[in-house]
C-alpha atoms as a PDB file:
ATOM      1  CA  UNK A   1       0.001   0.000   0.017  1.00  0.00           C
ATOM      2  CA  UNK A   2       2.903   2.399   0.645  1.00  0.00           C
ATOM      3  CA  UNK A   3       4.181   1.747  -2.901  1.00  0.00           C
ATOM      4  CA  UNK A   4       0.869   2.818  -4.307  1.00  0.00           C
ATOM      5  CA  UNK A   5       0.867   5.946  -2.141  1.00  0.00           C
ATOM      6  CA  UNK A   6       4.388   6.754  -3.281  1.00  0.00           C
ATOM      7  CA  UNK A   7       3.439   6.425  -6.944  1.00  0.00           C
ATOM      8  CA  UNK A   8       0.413   8.601  -6.334  1.00  0.00           C
ATOM      9  CA  UNK A   9       2.623  11.287  -4.775  1.00  0.00           C
ATOM     10  CA  UNK A  10       5.018  11.139  -7.707  1.00  0.00           C
ATOM     11  CA  UNK A  11       2.104  11.462 -10.151  1.00  0.00           C
ATOM     12  CA  UNK A  12       0.828  14.491  -8.287  1.00  0.00           C
ATOM     13  CA  UNK A  13       4.311  16.053  -8.404  1.00  0.00           C
ATOM     14  CA  UNK A  14       4.613  15.413 -12.140  1.00  0.00           C
ATOM     15  CA  UNK A  15       1.240  17.071 -12.777  1.00  0.00           C
ATOM     16  CA  UNK A  16       2.229  20.004 -10.639  1.00  0.00           C
ATOM     17  CA  UNK A  17       5.619  20.408 -12.386  1.00  0.00           C
ATOM     18  CA  UNK A  18       3.955  20.111 -15.821  1.00  0.00           C
ATOM     19  CA  UNK A  19       1.401  22.720 -14.865  1.00  0.00           C
ATOM     20  CA  UNK A  20       4.086  25.136 -13.630  1.00  0.00           C
ATOM     21  CA  UNK A  21       6.078  24.475 -16.809  1.00  0.00           C
ATOM     22  CA  UNK A  22       3.052  25.334 -19.022  1.00  0.00           C
ATOM     23  CA  UNK A  23       2.325  28.505 -17.012  1.00  0.00           C
ATOM     24  CA  UNK A  24       6.016  29.467 -17.208  1.00  0.00           C
ATOM     25  CA  UNK A  25       5.996  29.053 -21.038  1.00  0.00           C
ATOM     26  CA  UNK A  26       2.748  31.090 -21.243  1.00  0.00           C
ATOM     27  CA  UNK A  27       4.336  33.799 -19.109  1.00  0.00           C
ATOM     28  CA  UNK A  28       7.406  33.981 -21.400  1.00  0.00           C
ATOM     29  CA  UNK A  29       5.113  34.302 -24.454  1.00  0.00           C
ATOM     30  CA  UNK A  30       2.898  36.912 -22.787  1.00  0.00           C
ATOM     31  CA  UNK A  31       5.943  38.943 -21.725  1.00  0.00           C
ATOM     32  CA  UNK A  32       7.302  38.889 -25.266  1.00  0.00           C
ATOM     33  CA  UNK A  33       3.903  39.907 -26.724  1.00  0.00           C
ATOM     34  CA  UNK A  34       3.267  42.625 -24.195  1.00  0.00           C
ATOM     35  CA  UNK A  35       6.742  44.081 -24.805  1.00  0.00           C
ATOM     36  CA  UNK A  36       6.648  44.158 -28.595  1.00  0.00           C
ATOM     37  CA  UNK A  37       2.936  45.003 -29.118  1.00  0.00           C
ATOM     38  CA  UNK A  38       2.208  48.720 -29.205  1.00  0.00           C
ATOM     39  CA  UNK A  39      -1.019  48.647 -27.284  1.00  0.00           C
ATOM     40  CA  UNK A  40      -0.061  49.951 -23.816  1.00  0.00           C
ATOM     41  CA  UNK A  41      -2.327  52.985 -24.012  1.00  0.00           C
ATOM     42  CA  UNK A  42      -5.361  53.130 -26.364  1.00  0.00           C
ATOM     43  CA  UNK A  43      -7.037  56.385 -27.409  1.00  0.00           C
ATOM     44  CA  UNK A  44     -10.754  56.867 -26.721  1.00  0.00           C
ATOM     45  CA  UNK A  45     -11.072  59.648 -29.298  1.00  0.00           C
ATOM     46  CA  UNK A  46      -9.244  58.373 -32.369  1.00  0.00           C
ATOM     47  CA  UNK A  47      -8.417  54.821 -33.420  1.00  0.00           C
ATOM     48  CA  UNK A  48      -4.871  54.692 -32.175  1.00  0.00           C
ATOM     49  CA  UNK A  49      -2.610  53.179 -29.583  1.00  0.00           C
ATOM     50  CA  UNK A  50       0.883  53.729 -28.233  1.00  0.00           C
ATOM     51  CA  UNK A  51       3.378  51.300 -26.861  1.00  0.00           C
ATOM     52  CA  UNK A  52       7.014  51.129 -25.826  1.00  0.00           C
ATOM     53  CA  UNK A  53       8.310  51.402 -29.386  1.00  0.00           C
ATOM     54  CA  UNK A  54       5.783  52.964 -31.760  1.00  0.00           C
ATOM     55  CA  UNK A  55       2.659  55.078 -32.163  1.00  0.00           C
ATOM     56  CA  UNK A  56      -0.075  53.224 -34.131  1.00  0.00           C
ATOM     57  CA  UNK A  57      -3.193  54.452 -35.902  1.00  0.00           C
ATOM     58  CA  UNK A  58      -5.472  53.016 -38.528  1.00  0.00           C
ATOM     59  CA  UNK A  59      -2.965  54.052 -41.204  1.00  0.00           C
ATOM     60  CA  UNK A  60      -0.253  51.950 -39.564  1.00  0.00           C
ATOM     61  CA  UNK A  61       2.544  52.375 -37.067  1.00  0.00           C
ATOM     62  CA  UNK A  62       5.317  54.900 -37.117  1.00  0.00           C
ATOM     63  CA  UNK A  63       8.414  55.384 -35.060  1.00  0.00           C
ATOM     64  CA  UNK A  64       7.325  58.748 -33.799  1.00  0.00           C
ATOM     65  CA  UNK A  65       6.775  58.646 -30.090  1.00  0.00           C
ATOM     66  CA  UNK A  66       6.507  62.110 -28.602  1.00  0.00           C
ATOM     67  CA  UNK A  67       8.332  60.839 -25.511  1.00  0.00           C
ATOM     68  CA  UNK A  68      10.787  58.464 -27.183  1.00  0.00           C
ATOM     69  CA  UNK A  69      13.839  60.290 -25.881  1.00  0.00           C
ATOM     70  CA  UNK A  70      12.711  60.249 -22.224  1.00  0.00           C
ATOM     71  CA  UNK A  71      14.809  58.254 -19.813  1.00  0.00           C
ATOM     72  CA  UNK A  72      11.701  56.808 -18.217  1.00  0.00           C
ATOM     73  CA  UNK A  73      10.642  55.118 -21.427  1.00  0.00           C
ATOM     74  CA  UNK A  74      14.142  53.820 -22.012  1.00  0.00           C
ATOM     75  CA  UNK A  75      14.119  52.372 -18.514  1.00  0.00           C
ATOM     76  CA  UNK A  76      10.788  50.670 -19.137  1.00  0.00           C
ATOM     77  CA  UNK A  77      12.075  49.202 -22.413  1.00  0.00           C
ATOM     78  CA  UNK A  78      15.233  47.932 -20.689  1.00  0.00           C
ATOM     79  CA  UNK A  79      13.412  46.371 -17.751  1.00  0.00           C
ATOM     80  CA  UNK A  80      10.869  44.673 -19.993  1.00  0.00           C
ATOM     81  CA  UNK A  81      13.654  43.205 -22.168  1.00  0.00           C
ATOM     82  CA  UNK A  82      15.492  42.085 -18.985  1.00  0.00           C
ATOM     83  CA  UNK A  83      12.270  40.416 -17.720  1.00  0.00           C
ATOM     84  CA  UNK A  84      12.019  38.420 -20.920  1.00  0.00           C
ATOM     85  CA  UNK A  85      15.657  37.373 -20.676  1.00  0.00           C
ATOM     86  CA  UNK A  86      15.381  36.310 -17.018  1.00  0.00           C
ATOM     87  CA  UNK A  87      12.132  34.461 -17.664  1.00  0.00           C
ATOM     88  CA  UNK A  88      13.687  32.423 -20.503  1.00  0.00           C
ATOM     89  CA  UNK A  89      16.863  31.785 -18.482  1.00  0.00           C
ATOM     90  CA  UNK A  90      14.685  30.599 -15.561  1.00  0.00           C
ATOM     91  CA  UNK A  91      12.817  28.211 -17.907  1.00  0.00           C
ATOM     92  CA  UNK A  92      16.042  26.763 -19.285  1.00  0.00           C
ATOM     93  CA  UNK A  93      17.554  26.408 -15.792  1.00  0.00           C
ATOM     94  CA  UNK A  94      14.319  24.691 -14.615  1.00  0.00           C
ATOM     95  CA  UNK A  95      14.564  22.068 -17.355  1.00  0.00           C
ATOM     96  CA  UNK A  96      18.310  21.613 -16.698  1.00  0.00           C
ATOM     97  CA  UNK A  97      17.797  21.256 -12.913  1.00  0.00           C
ATOM     98  CA  UNK A  98      14.874  18.867 -13.357  1.00  0.00           C
ATOM     99  CA  UNK A  99      17.131  16.284 -15.004  1.00  0.00           C
ATOM    100  CA  UNK A 100      20.521  16.893 -13.383  1.00  0.00           C
ATOM    101  CA  UNK A 101      20.193  17.855  -9.727  1.00  0.00           C
ATOM    102  CA  UNK A 102      19.187  15.723  -6.749  1.00  0.00           C
ATOM    103  CA  UNK A 103      16.186  16.488  -4.586  1.00  0.00           C
ATOM    104  CA  UNK A 104      16.668  19.296  -2.110  1.00  0.00           C
ATOM    105  CA  UNK A 105      18.743  21.397  -4.489  1.00  0.00           C
ATOM    106  CA  UNK A 106      16.335  21.482  -7.426  1.00  0.00           C
ATOM    107  CA  UNK A 107      14.626  24.645  -8.589  1.00  0.00           C
ATOM    108  CA  UNK A 108      16.357  27.075  -6.218  1.00  0.00           C
ATOM    109  CA  UNK A 109      18.241  28.788  -9.047  1.00  0.00           C
ATOM    110  CA  UNK A 110      15.256  28.781 -11.369  1.00  0.00           C
ATOM    111  CA  UNK A 111      13.040  30.220  -8.576  1.00  0.00           C
ATOM    112  CA  UNK A 112      15.558  32.935  -7.799  1.00  0.00           C
ATOM    113  CA  UNK A 113      15.930  33.835 -11.483  1.00  0.00           C
ATOM    114  CA  UNK A 114      12.166  34.003 -11.887  1.00  0.00           C
ATOM    115  CA  UNK A 115      11.915  36.335  -8.914  1.00  0.00           C
ATOM    116  CA  UNK A 116      14.523  38.570 -10.592  1.00  0.00           C
ATOM    117  CA  UNK A 117      12.214  38.541 -13.656  1.00  0.00           C
ATOM    118  CA  UNK A 118       9.363  39.523 -11.344  1.00  0.00           C
ATOM    119  CA  UNK A 119      11.387  42.467  -9.997  1.00  0.00           C
ATOM    120  CA  UNK A 120      12.228  43.604 -13.540  1.00  0.00           C
ATOM    121  CA  UNK A 121       8.518  43.492 -14.467  1.00  0.00           C
ATOM    122  CA  UNK A 122       7.614  45.332 -11.316  1.00  0.00           C
ATOM    123  CA  UNK A 123      10.107  48.158 -11.891  1.00  0.00           C
ATOM    124  CA  UNK A 124       9.299  48.482 -15.616  1.00  0.00           C
ATOM    125  CA  UNK A 125       5.531  48.536 -15.357  1.00  0.00           C
ATOM    126  CA  UNK A 126       5.658  50.752 -12.293  1.00  0.00           C
ATOM    127  CA  UNK A 127       7.705  53.341 -14.121  1.00  0.00           C
ATOM    128  CA  UNK A 128       5.300  53.154 -17.091  1.00  0.00           C
ATOM    129  CA  UNK A 129       2.289  53.475 -14.812  1.00  0.00           C
ATOM    130  CA  UNK A 130       3.785  56.457 -13.049  1.00  0.00           C
ATOM    131  CA  UNK A 131       4.796  58.341 -16.199  1.00  0.00           C
ATOM    132  CA  UNK A 132       2.428  57.334 -18.963  1.00  0.00           C
ATOM    133  CA  UNK A 133      -0.690  55.431 -17.793  1.00  0.00           C
ATOM    134  CA  UNK A 134      -3.889  57.341 -18.362  1.00  0.00           C
ATOM    135  CA  UNK A 135      -2.394  59.017 -21.417  1.00  0.00           C
ATOM    136  CA  UNK A 136      -0.225  61.416 -19.464  1.00  0.00           C
ATOM    137  CA  UNK A 137       2.911  62.110 -21.400  1.00  0.00           C
ATOM    138  CA  UNK A 138       1.510  60.517 -24.518  1.00  0.00           C
ATOM    139  CA  UNK A 139      -0.521  62.273 -27.209  1.00  0.00           C
ATOM    140  CA  UNK A 140      -3.742  60.515 -26.041  1.00  0.00           C
ATOM    141  CA  UNK A 141      -5.378  62.441 -23.208  1.00  0.00           C
ATOM    142  CA  UNK A 142      -8.631  60.500 -23.311  1.00  0.00           C
ATOM    143  CA  UNK A 143      -7.464  56.920 -23.170  1.00  0.00           C
ATOM    144  CA  UNK A 144      -7.508  53.596 -21.403  1.00  0.00           C
ATOM    145  CA  UNK A 145      -5.050  50.817 -20.788  1.00  0.00           C
ATOM    146  CA  UNK A 146      -4.348  48.480 -23.652  1.00  0.00           C
ATOM    147  CA  UNK A 147      -3.949  44.723 -23.610  1.00  0.00           C
ATOM    148  CA  UNK A 148      -0.141  44.961 -23.489  1.00  0.00           C
ATOM    149  CA  UNK A 149      -0.270  46.898 -20.221  1.00  0.00           C
ATOM    150  CA  UNK A 150      -2.792  44.396 -18.757  1.00  0.00           C
ATOM    151  CA  UNK A 151      -0.762  41.387 -19.958  1.00  0.00           C
ATOM    152  CA  UNK A 152       2.282  42.821 -18.254  1.00  0.00           C
ATOM    153  CA  UNK A 153       0.499  42.999 -14.916  1.00  0.00           C
ATOM    154  CA  UNK A 154      -0.749  39.394 -15.394  1.00  0.00           C
ATOM    155  CA  UNK A 155       2.882  38.349 -16.084  1.00  0.00           C
ATOM    156  CA  UNK A 156       3.859  40.192 -12.878  1.00  0.00           C
ATOM    157  CA  UNK A 157       1.486  37.989 -10.866  1.00  0.00           C
ATOM    158  CA  UNK A 158       2.430  34.772 -12.721  1.00  0.00           C
ATOM    159  CA  UNK A 159       6.148  35.322 -12.388  1.00  0.00           C
ATOM    160  CA  UNK A 160       5.850  35.866  -8.631  1.00  0.00           C
ATOM    161  CA  UNK A 161       3.740  32.731  -8.198  1.00  0.00           C
ATOM    162  CA  UNK A 162       6.070  30.640 -10.358  1.00  0.00           C
ATOM    163  CA  UNK A 163       9.190  31.931  -8.531  1.00  0.00           C
ATOM    164  CA  UNK A 164       7.717  31.158  -5.120  1.00  0.00           C
ATOM    165  CA  UNK A 165       6.508  27.704  -6.264  1.00  0.00           C
ATOM    166  CA  UNK A 166       9.976  26.860  -7.534  1.00  0.00           C
ATOM    167  CA  UNK A 167      11.471  27.821  -4.185  1.00  0.00           C
ATOM    168  CA  UNK A 168       8.836  25.817  -2.282  1.00  0.00           C
ATOM    169  CA  UNK A 169       9.224  22.769  -4.539  1.00  0.00           C
ATOM    170  CA  UNK A 170      12.990  22.565  -4.027  1.00  0.00           C
ATOM    171  CA  UNK A 171      12.455  20.469  -0.954  1.00  0.00           C
END
């Protein structure tokens, strides 16, 4: 009976690890999409949106951001790129640790790396929220948050949960 219980525990752990892996991949994809898509702020007046890189209207996107030279935007861009890098590194480290390290040492490095990703997201999206959310600093005074901005906050939550789960699962 203890053998059956042991196999049941292993099956539960495999399902948990597979679920975390899928959420981690989804987080990496969402971070990438939210960083490159130019839908952080959407205009309520005209059909247009603005992101970290371009200003987009019905006619297409152009490289003219009225605030492109501001240090705050450059910091947001840098922190979002760093968050993608740390998220991918954490995923690679997770797969590597899954197959090479013994129990007790697993997932500490991947959890720590994912928490660094979480910090990068927090800093980047906080700077953006402070400087540009609500259309302030952009050319859209009547506006609302776009899906890229919302996706970034979802990634913020997921990266924290994943990082903590990796640290808890190391035991």
